[in-house]
N, C-alpha and C. Protein backbone atom coordinates (compact mmCIF):
# COMPACT_ATOMS: atom_id res chain seq x y z
N MET A 1 -8.24 -2.65 -12.71
CA MET A 1 -7.52 -1.50 -12.82
C MET A 1 -5.67 -2.73 -13.10
N ARG A 2 -5.13 -1.14 -13.75
CA ARG A 2 -4.20 -1.44 -13.63
C ARG A 2 -2.96 -0.92 -11.91
N VAL A 3 -2.11 -1.41 -11.13
CA VAL A 3 -1.68 -0.48 -10.90
C VAL A 3 0.08 -0.25 -10.70
N THR A 4 0.67 0.58 -11.37
CA THR A 4 1.96 0.40 -11.31
C THR A 4 2.78 0.70 -10.25
N GLN A 5 2.26 0.75 -9.80
CA GLN A 5 3.85 1.04 -7.99
C GLN A 5 2.78 0.21 -7.44
N ARG A 6 3.70 -1.10 -6.48
CA ARG A 6 2.25 -1.99 -5.67
C ARG A 6 2.89 -1.57 -4.59
N VAL A 7 3.78 -1.01 -3.82
CA VAL A 7 4.13 -1.44 -2.47
C VAL A 7 4.43 0.66 -2.48
N PHE A 8 3.42 0.70 -1.30
CA PHE A 8 2.87 2.46 -1.35
C PHE A 8 3.55 2.65 0.56
N PHE A 9 4.76 3.09 1.03
CA PHE A 9 4.77 3.43 2.19
C PHE A 9 4.71 4.35 3.18
N PHE A 10 3.81 4.62 4.03
CA PHE A 10 3.98 5.11 5.02
C PHE A 10 4.90 5.63 6.04
N GLY A 11 5.04 6.31 7.15
CA GLY A 11 5.44 6.63 8.90
C GLY A 11 6.24 7.60 8.59
N ASN A 12 6.90 7.87 9.61
CA ASN A 12 7.90 9.03 9.52
C ASN A 12 7.24 10.94 9.24
N GLY A 13 5.49 10.75 9.57
CA GLY A 13 4.43 11.73 8.27
C GLY A 13 5.20 11.95 6.69
N ARG A 14 5.15 10.87 6.75
CA ARG A 14 4.90 11.37 4.93
C ARG A 14 4.16 10.06 4.41
N ALA A 15 3.77 9.88 3.47
CA ALA A 15 2.84 8.16 3.28
C ALA A 15 2.63 8.48 1.58
N ASP A 16 3.29 7.61 0.60
CA ASP A 16 2.94 7.55 -0.16
C ASP A 16 1.55 7.66 -1.11
N GLY A 17 0.22 7.35 -0.28
CA GLY A 17 -0.76 7.47 -0.72
C GLY A 17 -2.04 8.20 0.60
N SER A 18 -3.00 8.44 0.44
CA SER A 18 -3.83 9.06 0.64
C SER A 18 -5.30 8.08 0.95
N ARG A 19 -6.54 9.16 1.36
CA ARG A 19 -7.58 8.46 1.29
C ARG A 19 -8.08 8.50 1.15
N GLU A 20 -8.38 8.90 -0.87
CA GLU A 20 -8.49 8.89 -2.14
C GLU A 20 -8.14 7.61 -2.60
N MET A 21 -7.16 6.68 -2.03
CA MET A 21 -7.06 5.73 -2.70
C MET A 21 -6.84 4.53 -2.41
N LYS A 22 -8.53 4.54 -1.80
CA LYS A 22 -8.95 3.48 -0.69
C LYS A 22 -9.38 1.74 -1.85
N GLU A 23 -9.29 2.09 -3.62
CA GLU A 23 -9.91 1.72 -4.68
C GLU A 23 -7.90 0.38 -3.96
N THR A 24 -7.38 1.50 -4.34
CA THR A 24 -5.59 0.77 -4.62
C THR A 24 -4.63 0.00 -3.50
N LEU A 25 -5.11 0.55 -1.77
CA LEU A 25 -4.91 0.85 -1.17
C LEU A 25 -6.00 -0.53 0.15
N GLY A 26 -6.96 -0.09 -0.45
CA GLY A 26 -7.73 -0.17 0.64
C GLY A 26 -7.90 0.09 1.40
N GLY A 27 -9.08 0.05 2.38
CA GLY A 27 -9.66 0.21 3.50
C GLY A 27 -7.98 1.01 4.52
N LYS A 28 -8.03 0.33 5.23
CA LYS A 28 -7.36 -0.55 5.87
C LYS A 28 -5.96 0.83 5.58
N GLY A 29 -5.89 0.37 4.94
CA GLY A 29 -4.13 1.36 3.84
C GLY A 29 -4.12 2.80 3.50
N ALA A 30 -5.33 2.75 2.58
CA ALA A 30 -6.24 4.45 2.60
C ALA A 30 -5.88 5.40 3.49
N ASN A 31 -6.00 4.29 4.87
CA ASN A 31 -6.96 5.16 6.03
C ASN A 31 -5.71 5.35 7.23
N LEU A 32 -4.91 4.02 6.59
CA LEU A 32 -2.84 3.95 7.40
C LEU A 32 -2.46 5.64 7.29
N ALA A 33 -2.50 5.90 5.63
CA ALA A 33 -1.59 6.75 4.85
C ALA A 33 -2.19 8.59 5.20
N GLU A 34 -3.12 8.32 5.45
CA GLU A 34 -4.20 9.81 5.26
C GLU A 34 -3.61 10.25 7.02
N MET A 35 -3.93 9.12 8.41
CA MET A 35 -3.08 9.43 9.21
C MET A 35 -1.89 10.17 9.82
N THR A 36 -1.02 9.02 8.52
CA THR A 36 0.15 9.71 8.78
C THR A 36 0.08 11.02 8.14
N ASN A 37 -0.51 11.35 6.55
CA ASN A 37 -0.50 13.08 6.16
C ASN A 37 -1.70 13.93 7.22
N LEU A 38 -2.36 13.43 8.40
CA LEU A 38 -2.66 14.68 8.99
C LEU A 38 -1.32 14.57 10.63
N GLY A 39 -0.56 13.63 10.40
CA GLY A 39 0.24 13.92 11.48
C GLY A 39 -0.15 12.40 12.34
N VAL A 40 -0.70 11.67 12.81
CA VAL A 40 -1.14 10.87 13.75
C VAL A 40 -0.21 10.61 13.70
N PRO A 41 0.77 9.55 14.89
CA PRO A 41 2.13 9.27 14.98
C PRO A 41 1.51 7.79 15.08
N VAL A 42 1.94 7.52 13.10
CA VAL A 42 1.56 6.05 12.98
C VAL A 42 3.29 5.42 12.70
N PRO A 43 2.75 4.03 13.50
CA PRO A 43 4.95 3.09 13.37
C PRO A 43 4.89 2.96 11.66
N PRO A 44 6.15 3.56 11.16
CA PRO A 44 6.17 3.59 9.55
C PRO A 44 5.78 1.78 9.66
N GLY A 45 5.44 1.30 8.01
CA GLY A 45 5.21 -0.30 7.26
C GLY A 45 4.81 0.83 5.75
N PHE A 46 3.81 -0.36 5.47
CA PHE A 46 4.21 -0.23 4.16
C PHE A 46 2.40 -1.30 3.72
N THR A 47 2.33 -0.94 3.06
CA THR A 47 0.66 -1.18 1.56
C THR A 47 1.01 -1.85 0.06
N ILE A 48 0.98 -2.96 0.12
CA ILE A 48 1.27 -3.50 -0.79
C ILE A 48 -0.27 -3.53 -1.57
N ALA A 49 0.01 -2.85 -3.09
CA ALA A 49 -1.15 -2.62 -3.59
C ALA A 49 -2.92 -3.75 -3.70
N ALA A 50 -3.95 -3.14 -3.42
CA ALA A 50 -4.85 -3.91 -3.29
C ALA A 50 -4.87 -5.39 -4.60
N PRO A 51 -5.44 -4.61 -5.30
CA PRO A 51 -5.88 -5.53 -6.85
C PRO A 51 -3.88 -6.56 -7.20
N LEU A 52 -2.52 -6.11 -6.49
CA LEU A 52 -1.70 -7.10 -6.36
C LEU A 52 -1.84 -8.48 -4.89
N CYS A 53 -2.73 -8.58 -3.99
CA CYS A 53 -3.77 -8.79 -3.47
C CYS A 53 -4.03 -9.52 -3.48
N ILE A 54 -5.09 -9.86 -4.93
CA ILE A 54 -6.08 -9.81 -5.05
C ILE A 54 -5.22 -11.46 -6.51
N ASP A 55 -4.83 -10.55 -6.59
CA ASP A 55 -4.22 -11.94 -7.84
C ASP A 55 -3.51 -13.08 -7.43
N TYR A 56 -2.43 -12.46 -5.99
CA TYR A 56 -2.06 -13.81 -5.68
C TYR A 56 -2.78 -14.34 -4.66
N LEU A 57 -4.02 -14.24 -4.77
CA LEU A 57 -5.33 -15.00 -4.25
C LEU A 57 -5.32 -16.17 -5.23
N ARG A 58 -5.45 -15.42 -6.74
CA ARG A 58 -5.78 -16.90 -7.56
C ARG A 58 -5.28 -16.81 -7.96
N ALA A 59 -3.85 -16.90 -8.12
CA ALA A 59 -2.87 -17.18 -8.27
C ALA A 59 -1.99 -17.75 -7.88
N GLY A 60 -2.22 -17.97 -6.44
CA GLY A 60 -1.34 -18.62 -5.77
C GLY A 60 0.12 -17.76 -5.29
N GLY A 61 0.85 -16.57 -6.37
CA GLY A 61 1.56 -16.01 -6.29
C GLY A 61 2.17 -14.60 -6.13
N TYR A 62 3.53 -13.85 -6.18
CA TYR A 62 2.88 -12.85 -6.06
C TYR A 62 4.19 -12.93 -7.74
N PRO A 63 4.36 -11.91 -8.11
CA PRO A 63 5.49 -11.36 -8.85
C PRO A 63 7.45 -11.11 -7.83
N PRO A 64 8.42 -12.01 -8.87
CA PRO A 64 8.97 -11.90 -8.07
C PRO A 64 10.47 -10.48 -8.16
N ALA A 65 9.99 -9.37 -8.24
CA ALA A 65 10.47 -8.06 -8.64
C ALA A 65 9.57 -7.45 -7.32
N LEU A 66 8.52 -8.36 -6.86
CA LEU A 66 8.14 -7.15 -5.45
C LEU A 66 8.57 -7.14 -4.42
N ARG A 67 8.91 -8.85 -3.97
CA ARG A 67 10.04 -8.99 -3.13
C ARG A 67 11.38 -7.81 -3.29
N ASP A 68 12.10 -7.13 -4.19
CA ASP A 68 13.10 -6.52 -3.86
C ASP A 68 12.12 -4.32 -3.92
N GLU A 69 10.65 -4.16 -4.31
CA GLU A 69 11.09 -3.66 -4.14
C GLU A 69 9.90 -3.62 -2.81
N VAL A 70 9.56 -4.72 -2.23
CA VAL A 70 9.58 -4.14 -0.52
C VAL A 70 11.11 -4.10 0.20
N ASP A 71 12.26 -4.94 -0.01
CA ASP A 71 13.49 -4.13 0.50
C ASP A 71 13.07 -2.85 0.01
C-alpha cells in the first residue's frame, strides 16, 4: 500500500481520518479520528501513517520531509 498523506491531524472537532482508515491509521489512530468526528472531546494530536511506521522499523529511519509535515 502506498500512502501519499503521511500525517493525519485530529482535534477541535475535526479529523483528517475516520474509522474506515484502520489500515492507514492503525487501530488507535482510526479510533481517535472517529471519536473526534463524533464530537467526543479528544486532545488535539496527530497520527503518522502506519505504513510509514513499518518502513521506519525496517529501515531504521524516516524521510526527512516528515519533520516538516509534523511541524
